[in-house]
N, C-alpha and C. Protein backbone atom coordinates (compact mmCIF):
# COMPACT_ATOMS: atom_id res chain seq x y z
N UNK A 1 71.86 76.07 -30.72
CA UNK A 1 72.95 74.89 -31.68
C UNK A 1 72.67 73.51 -31.38
N UNK A 2 71.88 73.24 -30.26
CA UNK A 2 71.76 71.86 -30.16
C UNK A 2 70.53 71.40 -31.16
N UNK A 3 69.82 72.23 -31.64
CA UNK A 3 68.92 71.25 -32.96
C UNK A 3 69.56 71.13 -33.82
N UNK A 4 70.59 71.81 -34.08
CA UNK A 4 71.71 71.09 -35.71
C UNK A 4 72.25 69.80 -35.30
N UNK A 5 72.21 69.15 -34.21
CA UNK A 5 72.81 67.94 -33.60
C UNK A 5 72.03 66.84 -33.77
N UNK A 6 72.25 66.13 -35.07
CA UNK A 6 71.37 64.95 -35.36
C UNK A 6 71.52 63.66 -34.54
N UNK A 7 72.85 63.62 -33.75
CA UNK A 7 72.52 62.73 -32.46
C UNK A 7 74.29 62.66 -32.10
N UNK A 8 74.02 62.48 -30.55
CA UNK A 8 75.22 62.44 -29.72
C UNK A 8 76.12 61.60 -29.87
N UNK A 9 77.39 61.38 -30.20
CA UNK A 9 78.49 60.37 -30.18
C UNK A 9 79.11 59.92 -29.03
N UNK A 10 79.29 60.88 -28.23
CA UNK A 10 80.38 60.66 -27.14
C UNK A 10 79.69 61.98 -26.23
N UNK A 11 79.46 61.45 -25.15
CA UNK A 11 78.54 61.85 -24.10
C UNK A 11 79.96 63.04 -23.21
N UNK A 12 79.56 63.96 -22.40
CA UNK A 12 80.34 64.70 -21.42
C UNK A 12 80.80 63.77 -20.51
N UNK A 13 80.60 63.13 -19.83
CA UNK A 13 80.87 61.86 -19.06
C UNK A 13 81.74 60.72 -19.60
N UNK A 14 81.52 60.67 -20.87
CA UNK A 14 82.52 59.60 -21.80
C UNK A 14 83.77 60.39 -22.46
N UNK A 15 83.83 61.57 -22.47
CA UNK A 15 84.85 62.30 -22.55
C UNK A 15 85.86 62.68 -21.33
N UNK A 16 85.27 62.72 -20.32
CA UNK A 16 85.99 62.97 -18.99
C UNK A 16 86.48 61.38 -18.54
N UNK A 17 85.93 60.74 -19.10
CA UNK A 17 86.59 59.34 -18.91
C UNK A 17 87.75 58.81 -19.73
N UNK A 18 87.75 59.43 -20.87
CA UNK A 18 88.85 59.17 -21.80
C UNK A 18 90.09 60.34 -21.49
N UNK A 19 89.87 61.07 -21.00
CA UNK A 19 90.50 62.13 -20.46
C UNK A 19 91.53 61.71 -19.42
N UNK A 20 90.85 60.76 -18.62
CA UNK A 20 91.37 60.53 -17.43
C UNK A 20 92.42 59.46 -17.89
N UNK A 21 91.93 57.88 -18.50
CA UNK A 21 92.47 57.14 -19.11
C UNK A 21 93.72 57.67 -19.97
N UNK A 22 93.36 58.90 -20.67
CA UNK A 22 94.83 58.89 -21.69
C UNK A 22 95.84 59.28 -20.46
N UNK A 23 95.65 60.22 -19.81
CA UNK A 23 96.43 61.04 -19.09
C UNK A 23 97.16 59.95 -18.06
N UNK A 24 96.36 59.11 -17.56
CA UNK A 24 97.17 57.80 -16.86
C UNK A 24 98.62 56.93 -17.61
N UNK A 25 97.66 56.91 -18.88
CA UNK A 25 98.56 56.33 -20.39
C UNK A 25 100.07 57.30 -20.06
N UNK A 26 99.92 58.13 -20.44
CA UNK A 26 101.13 59.46 -20.73
C UNK A 26 101.64 59.40 -19.34
N UNK A 27 101.28 59.77 -18.03
CA UNK A 27 101.92 59.54 -16.89
C UNK A 27 103.00 58.23 -16.57
N UNK A 28 102.39 57.24 -17.00
CA UNK A 28 102.85 56.02 -17.06
C UNK A 28 104.23 55.82 -17.85
N UNK A 29 104.04 56.29 -19.16
CA UNK A 29 105.07 56.05 -20.28
C UNK A 29 105.90 57.11 -19.89
N UNK A 30 105.80 58.14 -19.00
CA UNK A 30 106.82 59.38 -19.07
C UNK A 30 107.44 59.41 -17.96
N UNK A 31 106.98 58.73 -16.88
CA UNK A 31 107.61 58.38 -15.28
C UNK A 31 108.13 59.37 -15.03
N UNK A 32 107.40 60.84 -14.91
CA UNK A 32 107.81 61.91 -14.37
C UNK A 32 108.75 62.72 -15.10
N UNK A 33 108.81 62.14 -16.23
CA UNK A 33 110.02 63.17 -17.07
C UNK A 33 109.48 64.23 -17.70
N UNK A 34 109.98 65.43 -17.64
CA UNK A 34 109.27 66.66 -18.15
C UNK A 34 108.95 66.37 -19.66
N UNK A 35 107.50 67.33 -19.65
CA UNK A 35 106.64 67.12 -21.05
C UNK A 35 106.44 68.54 -21.57
N UNK A 36 106.58 68.75 -23.01
CA UNK A 36 106.08 69.94 -23.49
C UNK A 36 105.03 69.43 -24.48
N UNK A 37 103.72 70.20 -23.81
CA UNK A 37 102.55 69.68 -24.66
C UNK A 37 102.32 71.00 -25.67
N UNK A 38 102.42 69.98 -27.07
CA UNK A 38 102.14 70.93 -28.09
C UNK A 38 100.72 71.06 -28.44
N UNK A 39 100.02 71.97 -28.24
CA UNK A 39 98.47 72.16 -28.35
C UNK A 39 98.08 72.61 -29.97
N UNK A 40 97.61 71.82 -30.75
CA UNK A 40 96.80 72.44 -32.01
C UNK A 40 95.81 72.91 -31.91
N UNK A 41 95.87 74.32 -32.22
CA UNK A 41 94.92 75.21 -32.29
C UNK A 41 93.85 74.99 -33.45
N UNK A 42 92.77 75.36 -33.08
CA UNK A 42 91.80 76.01 -32.23
C UNK A 42 91.42 74.75 -31.35
N UNK A 43 90.98 73.68 -32.23
CA UNK A 43 89.71 72.83 -31.85
C UNK A 43 90.26 71.87 -30.63
N UNK A 44 91.33 71.64 -30.46
CA UNK A 44 92.16 70.90 -29.09
C UNK A 44 92.14 71.13 -27.95
N UNK A 45 91.89 72.53 -27.57
CA UNK A 45 92.18 73.63 -26.51
C UNK A 45 91.16 72.77 -25.60
N UNK A 46 89.90 72.53 -25.62
CA UNK A 46 89.44 71.84 -24.47
C UNK A 46 89.96 71.12 -24.31
N UNK A 47 90.10 70.06 -25.03
CA UNK A 47 90.69 68.65 -24.86
C UNK A 47 91.82 68.85 -24.16
N UNK A 48 93.04 69.43 -24.38
CA UNK A 48 94.26 69.76 -23.73
C UNK A 48 94.14 70.52 -22.42
N UNK A 49 93.48 71.25 -22.24
CA UNK A 49 93.20 71.76 -20.96
C UNK A 49 92.47 70.88 -19.87
N UNK A 50 91.71 70.25 -20.47
CA UNK A 50 91.12 68.88 -19.47
C UNK A 50 92.42 68.08 -19.05
N UNK A 51 93.11 67.35 -20.38
CA UNK A 51 93.95 66.39 -20.44
C UNK A 51 95.04 66.88 -19.26
N UNK A 52 95.74 68.21 -19.60
CA UNK A 52 96.74 68.86 -18.59
C UNK A 52 96.51 68.74 -16.99
N UNK A 53 95.42 68.73 -16.69
CA UNK A 53 95.06 68.86 -15.03
C UNK A 53 95.41 67.57 -14.62
N UNK A 54 95.55 66.74 -15.35
CA UNK A 54 95.54 65.03 -15.06
C UNK A 54 97.14 64.45 -15.02
N UNK A 55 97.78 65.23 -15.67
CA UNK A 55 99.14 65.34 -16.03
C UNK A 55 99.97 65.30 -14.57
N UNK A 56 100.91 64.64 -14.48
CA UNK A 56 101.58 64.58 -12.99
C UNK A 56 103.00 64.72 -13.20
N UNK A 57 103.78 64.99 -14.34
CA UNK A 57 105.36 65.53 -14.70
C UNK A 57 105.17 67.10 -14.92
N UNK A 58 106.37 67.18 -14.65
CA UNK A 58 106.72 69.01 -14.91
C UNK A 58 106.35 69.04 -16.51
N UNK A 59 105.31 69.94 -16.67
CA UNK A 59 104.51 70.18 -17.85
C UNK A 59 105.07 71.64 -18.44
N UNK A 60 104.94 71.64 -19.72
CA UNK A 60 105.41 73.36 -20.20
C UNK A 60 104.36 73.31 -21.58
N UNK A 61 103.89 74.50 -22.31
CA UNK A 61 103.03 74.51 -22.99
C UNK A 61 103.53 75.21 -24.43
N UNK A 62 103.09 74.90 -25.51
CA UNK A 62 103.74 75.55 -26.95
C UNK A 62 102.32 75.36 -27.80
N UNK A 63 102.02 76.03 -28.66
CA UNK A 63 100.94 75.79 -29.27
C UNK A 63 101.62 75.86 -31.07
N UNK A 64 100.66 74.91 -31.95
CA UNK A 64 100.88 75.47 -33.15
C UNK A 64 99.52 75.34 -33.88
N UNK A 65 99.21 76.27 -35.05
CA UNK A 65 98.41 76.30 -35.62
C UNK A 65 98.25 76.28 -36.71
N UNK A 66 97.68 75.12 -37.94
CA UNK A 66 97.52 74.44 -38.74
C UNK A 66 96.73 74.73 -39.63
N UNK A 67 96.52 74.64 -41.02
CA UNK A 67 94.88 74.46 -41.45
C UNK A 67 95.12 73.66 -42.63
N UNK A 68 94.11 72.77 -42.90
CA UNK A 68 93.83 71.92 -43.94
C UNK A 68 92.45 71.66 -44.33
N UNK A 69 92.00 72.43 -43.76
CA UNK A 69 90.51 72.20 -44.24
C UNK A 69 89.83 73.30 -44.82
N UNK A 70 90.35 74.42 -43.87
CA UNK A 70 89.71 75.70 -44.70
C UNK A 70 88.25 75.96 -44.60
N UNK A 71 87.34 75.90 -45.29
CA UNK A 71 85.93 76.13 -45.05
C UNK A 71 84.89 74.65 -45.66
N UNK A 72 86.42 73.71 -46.22
CA UNK A 72 85.85 72.52 -46.62
C UNK A 72 85.57 71.57 -45.46
N UNK A 73 84.73 70.56 -46.00
CA UNK A 73 84.19 69.14 -45.37
C UNK A 73 85.33 68.40 -45.09
N UNK A 74 86.15 68.48 -45.89
CA UNK A 74 87.50 67.26 -45.72
C UNK A 74 88.92 67.76 -46.02
N UNK A 75 89.98 67.47 -45.72
CA UNK A 75 90.95 67.98 -45.69
C UNK A 75 91.85 67.94 -47.27
N UNK A 76 92.41 69.15 -47.31
CA UNK A 76 92.90 69.39 -48.73
C UNK A 76 94.29 68.66 -48.92
N UNK A 77 94.95 68.22 -48.00
CA UNK A 77 96.36 67.46 -47.98
C UNK A 77 97.01 68.45 -48.10
N UNK A 78 96.97 69.96 -48.47
CA UNK A 78 97.97 70.84 -48.15
C UNK A 78 97.79 70.94 -46.90
N UNK A 79 99.19 71.44 -46.16
CA UNK A 79 99.14 72.08 -44.60
C UNK A 79 99.56 73.83 -44.68
N UNK A 80 98.95 74.35 -44.18
CA UNK A 80 99.35 75.61 -43.89
C UNK A 80 99.50 76.28 -42.62
N UNK A 81 100.97 76.30 -42.35
CA UNK A 81 101.39 76.39 -40.95
C UNK A 81 101.29 77.89 -40.66
N UNK A 82 99.84 78.18 -39.76
CA UNK A 82 99.57 79.32 -39.34
C UNK A 82 100.22 80.16 -38.14
N UNK A 83 100.65 79.05 -37.19
CA UNK A 83 101.73 79.67 -36.07
C UNK A 83 102.61 78.57 -35.67
N UNK A 84 103.88 79.07 -35.41
CA UNK A 84 104.80 77.82 -35.17
C UNK A 84 104.77 77.97 -33.71
N UNK A 85 105.74 76.80 -33.35
CA UNK A 85 106.09 77.00 -31.75
C UNK A 85 106.91 78.09 -31.89
N UNK A 86 106.98 78.72 -30.39
CA UNK A 86 107.84 79.77 -29.84
C UNK A 86 109.38 79.64 -29.24
N UNK A 87 109.35 78.13 -29.32
CA UNK A 87 110.43 77.78 -28.56
C UNK A 87 111.22 76.42 -28.97
N UNK A 88 113.01 76.68 -28.57
CA UNK A 88 113.30 75.18 -29.23
C UNK A 88 113.17 74.04 -28.32
N UNK A 89 113.11 72.92 -29.22
CA UNK A 89 112.47 71.50 -28.51
C UNK A 89 113.32 70.78 -28.85
N UNK A 90 114.80 71.40 -29.16
CA UNK A 90 115.99 70.05 -29.14
C UNK A 90 116.02 69.34 -27.60
N UNK A 91 116.15 67.97 -27.46
CA UNK A 91 116.22 67.45 -26.26
C UNK A 91 114.52 67.09 -25.65
N UNK A 92 113.50 67.66 -25.76
CA UNK A 92 112.71 67.05 -24.80
C UNK A 92 111.40 66.57 -25.55
N UNK A 93 110.86 66.12 -24.62
CA UNK A 93 109.97 64.74 -24.55
C UNK A 93 108.52 65.91 -25.00
N UNK A 94 107.62 65.17 -26.19
CA UNK A 94 106.68 66.32 -27.11
C UNK A 94 105.27 65.55 -27.10
N UNK A 95 104.73 65.96 -26.91
CA UNK A 95 103.18 65.53 -26.85
C UNK A 95 102.36 66.15 -27.59
N UNK A 96 102.15 66.09 -28.91
CA UNK A 96 101.27 66.64 -29.68
C UNK A 96 99.76 66.31 -29.23
N UNK A 97 98.81 67.48 -29.39
CA UNK A 97 97.53 67.22 -28.60
C UNK A 97 96.51 67.55 -29.74
N UNK A 98 96.15 66.77 -30.00
CA UNK A 98 94.93 67.18 -31.34
C UNK A 98 93.68 66.85 -31.19
N UNK A 99 92.49 67.27 -31.72
CA UNK A 99 90.99 67.11 -31.11
C UNK A 99 90.73 65.92 -32.14
N UNK A 100 91.03 65.69 -33.38
CA UNK A 100 90.79 64.55 -34.36
C UNK A 100 91.64 64.28 -35.20
N UNK A 101 92.03 62.92 -35.59
CA UNK A 101 92.49 62.44 -36.87
C UNK A 101 91.86 61.89 -37.49
N UNK A 102 92.19 62.32 -38.71
CA UNK A 102 91.18 61.91 -39.90
C UNK A 102 92.01 60.99 -41.22
N UNK A 103 92.19 61.96 -41.96
CA UNK A 103 93.25 61.48 -43.18
C UNK A 103 94.88 61.36 -42.96
N UNK A 104 94.89 62.17 -41.55
CA UNK A 104 96.09 61.99 -41.19
C UNK A 104 97.78 62.65 -41.23
N UNK A 105 97.42 63.23 -42.54
CA UNK A 105 97.97 64.31 -43.37
C UNK A 105 99.05 65.32 -42.58
N UNK A 106 97.86 65.97 -41.69
CA UNK A 106 98.42 67.20 -41.07
C UNK A 106 99.44 66.48 -39.73
N UNK A 107 99.22 65.68 -38.94
CA UNK A 107 99.78 64.99 -38.02
C UNK A 107 101.12 64.17 -38.35
N UNK A 108 101.11 63.41 -39.60
CA UNK A 108 102.32 63.15 -40.00
C UNK A 108 103.27 64.27 -40.46
N UNK A 109 102.95 65.46 -40.95
CA UNK A 109 103.77 66.29 -41.21
C UNK A 109 104.11 67.17 -39.81
N UNK A 110 103.51 67.17 -39.29
CA UNK A 110 103.89 67.92 -37.84
C UNK A 110 104.87 66.99 -36.98
N UNK A 111 104.53 65.83 -36.96
CA UNK A 111 105.39 65.17 -36.49
C UNK A 111 106.83 65.12 -36.95
N UNK A 112 106.97 64.93 -38.10
CA UNK A 112 107.96 65.06 -39.44
C UNK A 112 108.99 66.15 -38.68
N UNK A 113 108.45 67.26 -38.92
CA UNK A 113 108.87 68.34 -38.75
C UNK A 113 109.40 68.61 -36.80
N UNK A 114 108.82 68.30 -36.06
CA UNK A 114 108.94 68.28 -34.86
C UNK A 114 110.45 67.38 -34.79
N UNK A 115 110.19 66.12 -35.20
CA UNK A 115 111.29 64.95 -35.07
C UNK A 115 112.59 66.06 -35.78
N UNK A 116 112.79 66.65 -36.82
CA UNK A 116 113.58 66.95 -37.65
C UNK A 116 114.10 68.35 -37.01
N UNK A 117 113.64 68.62 -35.81
CA UNK A 117 113.99 69.77 -34.90
C UNK A 117 114.91 69.26 -33.69
N UNK A 118 115.20 67.84 -33.80
CA UNK A 118 115.53 67.32 -32.36
C UNK A 118 115.17 66.89 -31.14
N UNK A 119 113.88 67.02 -30.90
CA UNK A 119 113.30 66.59 -30.05
C UNK A 119 113.86 65.14 -29.64
N UNK A 120 113.52 64.92 -27.95
CA UNK A 120 113.95 63.80 -27.68
C UNK A 120 113.02 62.65 -28.20
N UNK A 121 111.31 62.94 -28.12
CA UNK A 121 110.77 62.20 -28.49
C UNK A 121 109.77 62.67 -28.60
N UNK A 122 108.61 62.42 -29.95
CA UNK A 122 107.45 62.90 -30.09
C UNK A 122 106.25 61.78 -30.08
N UNK A 123 105.42 62.18 -29.45
CA UNK A 123 104.18 61.32 -29.49
C UNK A 123 102.70 62.13 -29.80
N UNK A 124 102.23 61.66 -30.43
CA UNK A 124 100.81 62.07 -30.81
C UNK A 124 99.48 61.45 -29.79
N UNK A 125 98.69 62.62 -29.48
CA UNK A 125 97.62 61.88 -28.77
C UNK A 125 96.24 62.93 -29.18
N UNK A 126 95.36 62.16 -29.27
CA UNK A 126 94.11 62.81 -30.04
C UNK A 126 92.73 62.21 -28.85
N UNK A 127 91.83 62.81 -29.14
CA UNK A 127 90.53 62.67 -28.36
C UNK A 127 89.70 61.63 -29.27
N UNK A 128 89.70 61.83 -30.77
CA UNK A 128 88.89 61.36 -31.78
C UNK A 128 89.58 60.90 -33.06
N UNK A 129 89.81 59.22 -33.13
CA UNK A 129 90.15 58.92 -34.49
C UNK A 129 89.04 58.71 -35.34
N UNK A 130 89.68 58.97 -36.63
CA UNK A 130 88.84 58.12 -37.65
C UNK A 130 89.24 57.21 -38.87
N UNK A 131 90.17 56.36 -38.35
CA UNK A 131 90.79 55.70 -39.20
C UNK A 131 90.35 55.19 -40.45
N UNK A 132 89.13 55.35 -40.43
CA UNK A 132 88.22 54.57 -42.30
C UNK A 132 89.28 55.62 -42.90
N UNK A 133 89.50 56.79 -42.54
CA UNK A 133 89.66 57.79 -43.63
C UNK A 133 91.14 58.28 -43.43
N UNK A 134 91.73 57.51 -42.81
CA UNK A 134 93.29 57.38 -42.99
C UNK A 134 93.54 57.05 -44.46
N UNK A 135 94.79 58.13 -44.87
CA UNK A 135 95.35 57.90 -46.09
C UNK A 135 96.90 57.71 -46.11
N UNK A 136 97.43 58.17 -44.57
CA UNK A 136 98.93 58.20 -44.90
C UNK A 136 98.89 57.28 -43.52
N UNK A 137 100.16 56.84 -43.40
CA UNK A 137 100.57 55.89 -42.18
C UNK A 137 101.20 56.80 -41.23
N UNK A 138 100.47 57.09 -39.92
CA UNK A 138 101.01 57.65 -38.76
C UNK A 138 100.66 56.88 -37.66
N UNK A 139 101.47 56.58 -36.65
CA UNK A 139 101.09 56.49 -35.48
C UNK A 139 100.72 57.08 -34.45
N UNK A 140 99.80 56.80 -33.65
CA UNK A 140 98.98 57.72 -33.07
C UNK A 140 99.25 57.05 -31.86
N UNK A 141 99.66 57.78 -30.48
CA UNK A 141 100.32 56.93 -29.73
C UNK A 141 98.94 56.83 -28.53
N UNK A 142 98.04 58.14 -28.19
CA UNK A 142 97.09 57.97 -27.11
C UNK A 142 95.73 58.46 -28.04
N UNK A 143 94.85 57.55 -27.94
CA UNK A 143 93.49 57.82 -28.44
C UNK A 143 92.16 57.60 -27.43
N UNK A 144 91.47 58.69 -27.76
CA UNK A 144 90.22 58.76 -26.88
C UNK A 144 89.25 57.69 -27.25
N UNK A 145 88.85 57.98 -28.24
CA UNK A 145 87.75 57.47 -29.15
C UNK A 145 87.87 57.04 -30.73
N UNK A 146 87.68 56.05 -31.14
CA UNK A 146 87.40 56.16 -32.69
C UNK A 146 85.75 56.08 -32.66
N UNK A 147 85.88 56.97 -33.89
CA UNK A 147 84.38 57.29 -34.15
C UNK A 147 84.65 56.88 -36.21
N UNK A 148 83.21 56.96 -36.16
CA UNK A 148 82.92 56.66 -37.41
C UNK A 148 82.89 57.97 -38.28
N UNK A 149 82.81 57.75 -39.79
CA UNK A 149 83.07 58.88 -40.45
C UNK A 149 81.63 59.84 -41.07
N UNK A 150 81.62 60.37 -40.03
CA UNK A 150 80.53 61.12 -40.13
C UNK A 150 80.92 62.80 -39.21
N UNK A 151 80.59 63.66 -39.68
CA UNK A 151 80.72 65.43 -39.45
C UNK A 151 80.49 65.34 -37.74
N UNK A 152 81.66 65.52 -37.09
CA UNK A 152 81.74 65.42 -35.67
C UNK A 152 81.83 67.04 -35.45
N UNK A 153 80.83 67.42 -34.49
CA UNK A 153 81.25 68.51 -33.60
C UNK A 153 81.02 68.34 -32.08
N UNK A 154 81.51 69.84 -31.59
CA UNK A 154 81.85 70.10 -30.05
C UNK A 154 82.86 69.36 -29.65
N UNK A 155 82.68 70.10 -28.14
CA UNK A 155 84.38 69.94 -27.59
C UNK A 155 85.40 70.59 -28.35
N UNK A 156 85.28 71.28 -28.72
CA UNK A 156 85.99 72.33 -29.51
C UNK A 156 86.08 71.88 -31.10
N UNK A 157 85.65 70.64 -31.63
CA UNK A 157 85.64 70.76 -33.11
C UNK A 157 84.36 71.76 -33.63
N UNK A 158 84.54 72.23 -34.62
CA UNK A 158 83.99 73.29 -35.13
C UNK A 158 83.02 72.91 -36.88
N UNK A 159 82.34 73.53 -37.00
CA UNK A 159 81.93 73.73 -38.39
C UNK A 159 81.65 75.38 -38.74
N UNK A 160 82.39 76.02 -39.37
CA UNK A 160 82.63 77.79 -39.72
C UNK A 160 82.74 78.21 -38.25
N UNK A 161 83.41 77.78 -37.23
CA UNK A 161 83.87 78.15 -36.41
C UNK A 161 83.05 78.20 -35.39
N UNK A 162 81.61 77.68 -35.33
CA UNK A 162 80.60 77.47 -34.53
C UNK A 162 80.45 75.87 -34.06
N UNK A 163 80.03 75.58 -32.64
CA UNK A 163 79.43 74.45 -32.04
C UNK A 163 80.73 74.03 -31.15
N UNK A 164 81.83 74.46 -31.14
CA UNK A 164 82.93 74.36 -30.25
C UNK A 164 82.74 74.11 -28.74
N UNK A 165 82.08 74.72 -28.65
CA UNK A 165 81.38 75.14 -26.96
C UNK A 165 80.53 73.79 -26.58
N UNK A 166 79.82 73.14 -27.29
CA UNK A 166 78.91 71.91 -27.20
C UNK A 166 79.89 70.84 -26.34
N UNK A 167 79.03 70.59 -24.80
CA UNK A 167 80.08 69.82 -24.05
C UNK A 167 80.15 68.37 -24.10
N UNK A 168 79.69 67.79 -25.47
CA UNK A 168 79.76 66.72 -26.11
C UNK A 168 80.48 66.43 -27.46
N UNK A 169 80.32 65.43 -27.91
CA UNK A 169 80.53 65.16 -29.36
C UNK A 169 79.65 64.75 -30.00
N UNK A 170 79.03 65.58 -30.79
CA UNK A 170 77.95 65.16 -31.77
C UNK A 170 77.78 64.92 -33.32
N UNK A 171 76.94 64.79 -34.10
CA UNK A 171 76.93 64.55 -35.26
C UNK A 171 76.08 65.89 -35.86
N UNK A 172 76.94 66.78 -36.67
CA UNK A 172 76.21 67.81 -37.36
C UNK A 172 75.12 67.22 -38.67
N UNK A 173 73.60 67.99 -38.39
CA UNK A 173 72.90 67.20 -39.37
C UNK A 173 73.34 68.13 -40.75
N UNK A 174 73.38 67.10 -41.46
CA UNK A 174 73.77 67.35 -43.42
C UNK A 174 73.10 68.63 -43.74
N UNK A 175 71.77 68.84 -43.23
CA UNK A 175 71.16 70.05 -43.78
C UNK A 175 71.72 71.23 -43.27
N UNK A 176 72.68 71.30 -42.50
CA UNK A 176 73.53 72.55 -41.97
C UNK A 176 74.56 72.94 -43.12
N UNK A 177 75.24 72.18 -43.48
CA UNK A 177 76.32 72.21 -44.25
C UNK A 177 76.11 71.41 -45.68
N UNK A 178 74.77 71.49 -45.91
CA UNK A 178 74.97 71.04 -47.24
C UNK A 178 73.81 72.03 -47.96
N UNK A 179 74.00 73.32 -47.68
CA UNK A 179 73.47 74.51 -47.91
C UNK A 179 73.87 75.05 -49.38
């Protein structure tokens, strides 16, 4: 797998630092109020798992799985909700945990959906942000790193379901996906 990496964007140590920084901000902002982490499957799992270990408030988890990429390199703009939440979120503080935000389409639609379900608050947290690819206005409350418009893999991010287990964020060599 490492041979397919053009370069490392964010090291394992830098990821750990961002996780701690984001957790500190969330702990400060929620000030001990209960939180429901909504983890966006599949790519967000490593980030969410590391993040929750540093949160100090009462915490519950739920999951959503959405698809906007399929096997393509960029978002289609159409959001397919493959797995919805299993609980009522009325009156709850929600933290949507995502691995990467680029166009913003997916997160804007998820946030709007959860707000319409009468959550007390809905915040968005992402490890990686590609604002250069943003096509809709979406407020991201917590960001680990802003990255350039390159194909990122590792630490949950994939290409055709591979590379998720890399401990760092790397850039995939174009020769891998331009076949």
